[in-house]
Amino acid sequence: MSVLLLAQDAADTGSKSLLQYIHSGGVVSYILVCVSLVAVALLIRNALIFRADKLAPPDVFERIDAALRRGDTQAAMAICADPDNASFLSRVFGSALLRCSRSPFGFLELRTAIEESGQREADRLHRYNDGVGIIAAVGPMLGLLGTVLGMIGAFATLGGMEGAARSRELARFMSYALVCTAEGLAIAIPCTIAFSLFRRRVDHLISHIADQIEHLTSAIEQSSGAEPARPARPAAPRQEAVVRSPRPE
């Protein structure tokens, strides 16, 4: 009798809809569905952010380059500070120009300022991808939690029921465990791949923008009178007068 019930349940699973499979996974299954929706939203957001024309708009680059070629660093700073031009490029280069304009060393520390501001912006950009990585790590754990809960229920059924009722409950808890496992893996696998691809994409974009910033830095170095504040030259050491005694004749 129990074999017939199991066979009937197996036949019924062929006509189950996706919603029925999700429902058979219990509360953990619905949590995993919510996590998958968050993952999809993060993937769409990252795809929209990690674009070259978003991080370094060509028109902003050309306007900054034209201002620096004219030797007008104030105009370049204004372009970078404009909220309508907010981007990775404008934040990195604008922050470096602002620091140099306030420093007594002027553009002597331009490259250092660019490296520091670039590192901050790169870390900020990578943090956009952290959510996908967290979901890729948490998804299998939630699936494993469902698996453990399902196995606990299955063993409790084996010890507390008999006959056809035990077979039915055993099949239900095994379905609970396997559905949660499958959902966790279905979330983790694409998120892990997406995390790696986005990370490589960010590194490639940062390298591309670094070449553009190097071009702008060269424009500053080649332009005449483009320094907002010339570096102060160290004063020559004061030499005390030495009284020489006349040589004896």
Protein backbone atom coordinates (compact mmCIF):
# COMPACT_ATOMS: atom_id res chain seq x y z
CA MET A 1 0.00 0.00 0.00
CA SER A 2 2.78 2.39 0.89
CA VAL A 3 4.53 1.67 -2.40
CA LEU A 4 1.33 2.54 -4.29
CA LEU A 5 1.00 5.80 -2.39
CA LEU A 6 4.58 6.74 -3.15
CA ALA A 7 4.05 5.91 -6.81
CA GLN A 8 0.90 8.01 -6.85
CA ASP A 9 2.74 10.94 -5.26
CA ALA A 10 5.54 10.59 -7.82
CA ALA A 11 2.98 10.64 -10.62
CA ASP A 12 1.33 13.71 -9.14
CA THR A 13 4.61 15.62 -9.07
CA GLY A 14 4.70 15.58 -12.82
CA SER A 15 1.66 17.84 -12.96
CA LYS A 16 2.80 20.24 -10.26
CA SER A 17 3.16 23.88 -11.14
CA LEU A 18 6.09 26.06 -10.12
CA LEU A 19 4.01 27.70 -7.41
CA GLN A 20 3.15 24.28 -5.98
CA TYR A 21 6.81 23.34 -5.88
CA ILE A 22 7.60 26.59 -4.07
CA HIS A 23 4.76 25.96 -1.64
CA SER A 24 6.05 22.46 -0.94
CA GLY A 25 9.33 24.01 0.24
CA GLY A 26 7.65 25.76 3.14
CA VAL A 27 8.67 29.06 4.70
CA VAL A 28 12.32 28.72 3.70
CA SER A 29 11.25 28.34 0.09
CA TYR A 30 9.37 31.64 0.15
CA ILE A 31 12.37 33.32 1.79
CA LEU A 32 14.54 32.04 -1.03
CA VAL A 33 12.07 33.41 -3.57
CA CYS A 34 12.35 36.85 -1.95
CA VAL A 35 16.14 36.57 -1.97
CA SER A 36 16.05 35.69 -5.67
CA LEU A 37 13.99 38.80 -6.40
CA VAL A 38 16.52 40.94 -4.55
CA ALA A 39 19.29 39.26 -6.53
CA VAL A 40 17.58 40.06 -9.83
CA ALA A 41 17.19 43.69 -8.78
CA LEU A 42 20.88 43.92 -7.85
CA LEU A 43 21.96 42.33 -11.12
CA ILE A 44 19.89 44.84 -13.11
CA ARG A 45 21.27 47.73 -11.06
CA ASN A 46 24.87 46.59 -11.56
CA ALA A 47 24.32 46.13 -15.29
CA LEU A 48 23.10 49.72 -15.50
CA ILE A 49 25.91 51.16 -13.37
CA PHE A 50 28.92 49.24 -14.69
CA ARG A 51 28.99 50.94 -18.09
CA ALA A 52 31.76 53.05 -19.56
CA ASP A 53 29.42 55.86 -20.62
CA LYS A 54 28.00 55.93 -17.08
CA LEU A 55 31.30 55.96 -15.17
CA ALA A 56 33.16 58.19 -17.63
CA PRO A 57 30.75 60.09 -19.91
CA PRO A 58 32.54 61.05 -23.15
CA ASP A 59 31.15 64.60 -23.16
CA VAL A 60 32.38 65.24 -19.61
CA PHE A 61 35.84 63.94 -20.49
CA GLU A 62 36.01 66.14 -23.60
CA ARG A 63 34.90 69.24 -21.71
CA ILE A 64 37.45 68.69 -18.95
CA ASP A 65 40.18 68.02 -21.50
CA ALA A 66 39.31 71.19 -23.45
CA ALA A 67 39.39 73.29 -20.27
CA LEU A 68 42.77 71.90 -19.27
CA ARG A 69 44.18 72.49 -22.75
CA ARG A 70 43.22 76.15 -22.33
CA GLY A 71 44.94 76.17 -18.96
CA ASP A 72 41.65 76.85 -17.16
CA THR A 73 41.72 74.51 -14.18
CA GLN A 74 38.95 76.42 -12.46
CA ALA A 75 36.60 75.57 -15.31
CA ALA A 76 37.70 71.93 -15.11
CA MET A 77 36.96 71.90 -11.37
CA ALA A 78 33.55 73.47 -12.00
CA ILE A 79 32.73 70.77 -14.56
CA CYS A 80 33.73 68.03 -12.11
CA ALA A 81 31.75 69.64 -9.27
CA ASP A 82 28.55 69.95 -11.32
CA PRO A 83 25.99 67.40 -9.99
CA ASP A 84 24.77 66.81 -13.53
CA ASN A 85 28.26 65.52 -14.42
CA ALA A 86 28.57 63.19 -11.41
CA SER A 87 30.54 60.10 -12.41
CA PHE A 88 33.55 58.03 -11.42
CA LEU A 89 35.79 60.17 -13.62
CA SER A 90 34.54 63.53 -12.36
CA ARG A 91 34.70 62.49 -8.70
CA VAL A 92 38.24 61.15 -8.93
CA PHE A 93 39.70 63.98 -10.99
CA GLY A 94 37.66 66.72 -9.33
CA SER A 95 38.75 65.59 -5.87
CA ALA A 96 42.39 65.58 -6.96
CA LEU A 97 42.14 69.07 -8.50
CA LEU A 98 40.45 70.43 -5.39
CA ARG A 99 43.16 69.01 -3.16
CA CYS A 100 45.91 70.44 -5.35
CA SER A 101 44.26 73.87 -5.44
CA ARG A 102 44.30 73.98 -1.63
CA SER A 103 47.80 72.60 -1.22
CA PRO A 104 50.91 74.79 -1.07
CA PHE A 105 52.64 72.20 -3.26
CA GLY A 106 50.18 72.67 -6.14
CA PHE A 107 50.33 70.02 -8.82
CA LEU A 108 53.40 68.37 -7.36
CA GLU A 109 51.03 66.06 -5.50
CA LEU A 110 48.50 65.67 -8.33
CA ARG A 111 49.33 62.04 -9.02
CA THR A 112 49.26 61.17 -5.33
CA ALA A 113 45.88 62.85 -4.97
CA ILE A 114 44.56 60.97 -8.00
CA GLU A 115 45.75 57.64 -6.62
CA GLU A 116 44.09 58.23 -3.25
CA SER A 117 40.78 59.49 -4.64
CA GLY A 118 40.82 56.74 -7.28
CA GLN A 119 41.26 54.09 -4.60
CA ARG A 120 38.31 55.47 -2.65
CA GLU A 121 36.07 55.50 -5.70
CA ALA A 122 37.20 52.02 -6.76
CA ASP A 123 36.32 50.65 -3.33
CA ARG A 124 32.96 52.38 -3.54
CA LEU A 125 32.35 50.86 -6.96
CA HIS A 126 33.24 47.37 -5.79
CA ARG A 127 30.81 47.73 -2.90
CA TYR A 128 27.96 47.82 -5.41
CA ASN A 129 28.90 44.23 -6.24
CA ASP A 130 29.09 43.06 -2.64
CA GLY A 131 25.34 42.45 -2.44
CA VAL A 132 25.51 39.90 -5.26
CA GLY A 133 28.41 38.16 -3.53
CA ILE A 134 26.54 38.02 -0.23
CA ILE A 135 23.51 36.46 -1.89
CA ALA A 136 25.76 33.96 -3.68
CA ALA A 137 27.11 32.89 -0.28
CA VAL A 138 23.84 33.01 1.66
CA GLY A 139 21.68 31.22 -0.94
CA PRO A 140 23.18 27.74 -0.41
CA MET A 141 23.07 28.26 3.35
CA LEU A 142 19.35 28.97 3.26
CA GLY A 143 18.87 25.96 1.00
CA LEU A 144 20.84 23.84 3.46
CA LEU A 145 18.67 25.14 6.28
CA GLY A 146 15.58 23.94 4.40
CA THR A 147 17.26 20.62 3.76
CA VAL A 148 18.04 20.13 7.43
CA LEU A 149 14.50 21.08 8.47
CA GLY A 150 13.11 18.66 5.92
CA MET A 151 15.36 15.84 7.13
CA ILE A 152 14.39 16.54 10.73
CA GLY A 153 10.74 16.25 9.78
CA ALA A 154 11.41 13.08 7.78
CA PHE A 155 13.15 11.33 10.66
CA ALA A 156 10.46 12.47 13.08
CA THR A 157 7.90 10.93 10.74
CA LEU A 158 9.77 7.64 10.63
CA GLY A 159 9.82 7.47 14.39
CA GLY A 160 6.28 8.65 15.13
CA MET A 161 4.02 7.35 12.34
CA GLU A 162 3.16 4.07 10.69
CA GLY A 163 1.58 2.85 7.51
CA ALA A 164 0.37 5.03 4.64
CA ALA A 165 0.39 8.23 6.72
CA ARG A 166 4.10 7.79 7.39
CA SER A 167 4.87 7.31 3.70
CA ARG A 168 2.92 10.40 2.75
CA GLU A 169 4.55 12.59 5.39
CA LEU A 170 7.96 11.17 4.57
CA ALA A 171 7.50 12.12 0.90
CA ARG A 172 6.32 15.59 1.89
CA PHE A 173 9.33 16.30 4.08
CA MET A 174 11.75 14.92 1.50
CA SER A 175 10.16 17.21 -1.07
CA TYR A 176 10.55 20.07 1.41
CA ALA A 177 14.27 19.33 1.76
CA LEU A 178 15.02 18.86 -1.93
CA VAL A 179 13.03 21.88 -3.12
CA CYS A 180 14.92 24.15 -0.71
CA THR A 181 18.24 22.66 -1.81
CA ALA A 182 17.39 23.19 -5.47
CA GLU A 183 16.26 26.78 -4.87
CA GLY A 184 19.41 27.62 -2.94
CA LEU A 185 21.61 26.29 -5.73
CA ALA A 186 19.49 27.97 -8.40
CA ILE A 187 20.17 31.29 -6.68
CA ALA A 188 23.83 30.74 -5.80
CA ILE A 189 25.09 29.50 -9.17
CA PRO A 190 24.05 32.49 -11.34
CA CYS A 191 24.93 34.97 -8.56
CA THR A 192 28.43 33.49 -8.24
CA ILE A 193 28.96 33.75 -12.00
CA ALA A 194 27.54 37.28 -12.09
CA PHE A 195 29.72 38.37 -9.16
CA SER A 196 32.88 37.21 -10.96
CA LEU A 197 31.85 38.78 -14.25
CA PHE A 198 30.94 42.09 -12.62
CA ARG A 199 34.22 42.14 -10.74
CA ARG A 200 36.18 41.66 -13.95
CA ARG A 201 34.03 44.31 -15.60
CA VAL A 202 34.76 46.81 -12.83
CA ASP A 203 38.51 46.15 -13.04
CA HIS A 204 38.41 46.64 -16.81
CA LEU A 205 36.45 49.90 -16.49
CA ILE A 206 38.80 51.24 -13.83
CA SER A 207 41.77 50.49 -16.07
CA HIS A 208 40.06 52.27 -18.97
CA ILE A 209 39.24 55.33 -16.85
CA ALA A 210 42.79 55.37 -15.48
CA ASP A 211 44.05 55.83 -19.05
CA GLN A 212 41.68 58.77 -19.49
CA ILE A 213 42.84 60.35 -16.23
CA GLU A 214 46.45 59.88 -17.30
CA HIS A 215 45.61 61.79 -20.48
CA LEU A 216 44.08 64.63 -18.44
CA THR A 217 47.09 64.67 -16.14
CA SER A 218 49.40 64.99 -19.12
CA ALA A 219 47.28 67.88 -20.40
CA ILE A 220 47.83 69.70 -17.09
CA GLU A 221 51.56 69.05 -17.15
CA GLN A 222 51.87 70.24 -20.75
CA SER A 223 49.74 73.34 -20.39
CA SER A 224 51.36 76.59 -19.33
CA GLY A 225 50.02 78.52 -16.35
CA ALA A 226 47.56 75.78 -15.40
CA GLU A 227 48.63 75.43 -11.80
CA PRO A 228 46.15 76.76 -9.29
CA ALA A 229 48.92 77.24 -6.78
CA ARG A 230 52.59 77.03 -7.61
CA PRO A 231 54.68 74.97 -5.25
CA ALA A 232 56.67 77.06 -2.87
CA ARG A 233 60.38 76.71 -3.44
CA PRO A 234 62.38 75.94 -0.35
CA ALA A 235 64.45 78.84 0.73
CA ALA A 236 68.18 78.50 0.29
CA PRO A 237 70.03 77.90 3.53
CA ARG A 238 71.37 81.09 5.03
CA GLN A 239 75.12 81.25 4.99
CA GLU A 240 76.76 83.08 7.83
CA ALA A 241 79.52 85.47 6.96
CA VAL A 242 82.92 84.08 7.80
CA VAL A 243 85.48 86.61 8.91
CA ARG A 244 88.73 85.61 7.41
CA SER A 245 91.81 86.73 9.17
CA PRO A 246 94.40 88.29 6.92
CA ARG A 247 97.17 85.98 5.92
CA PRO A 248 100.48 86.81 7.39
CA GLU A 249 102.73 88.38 4.82
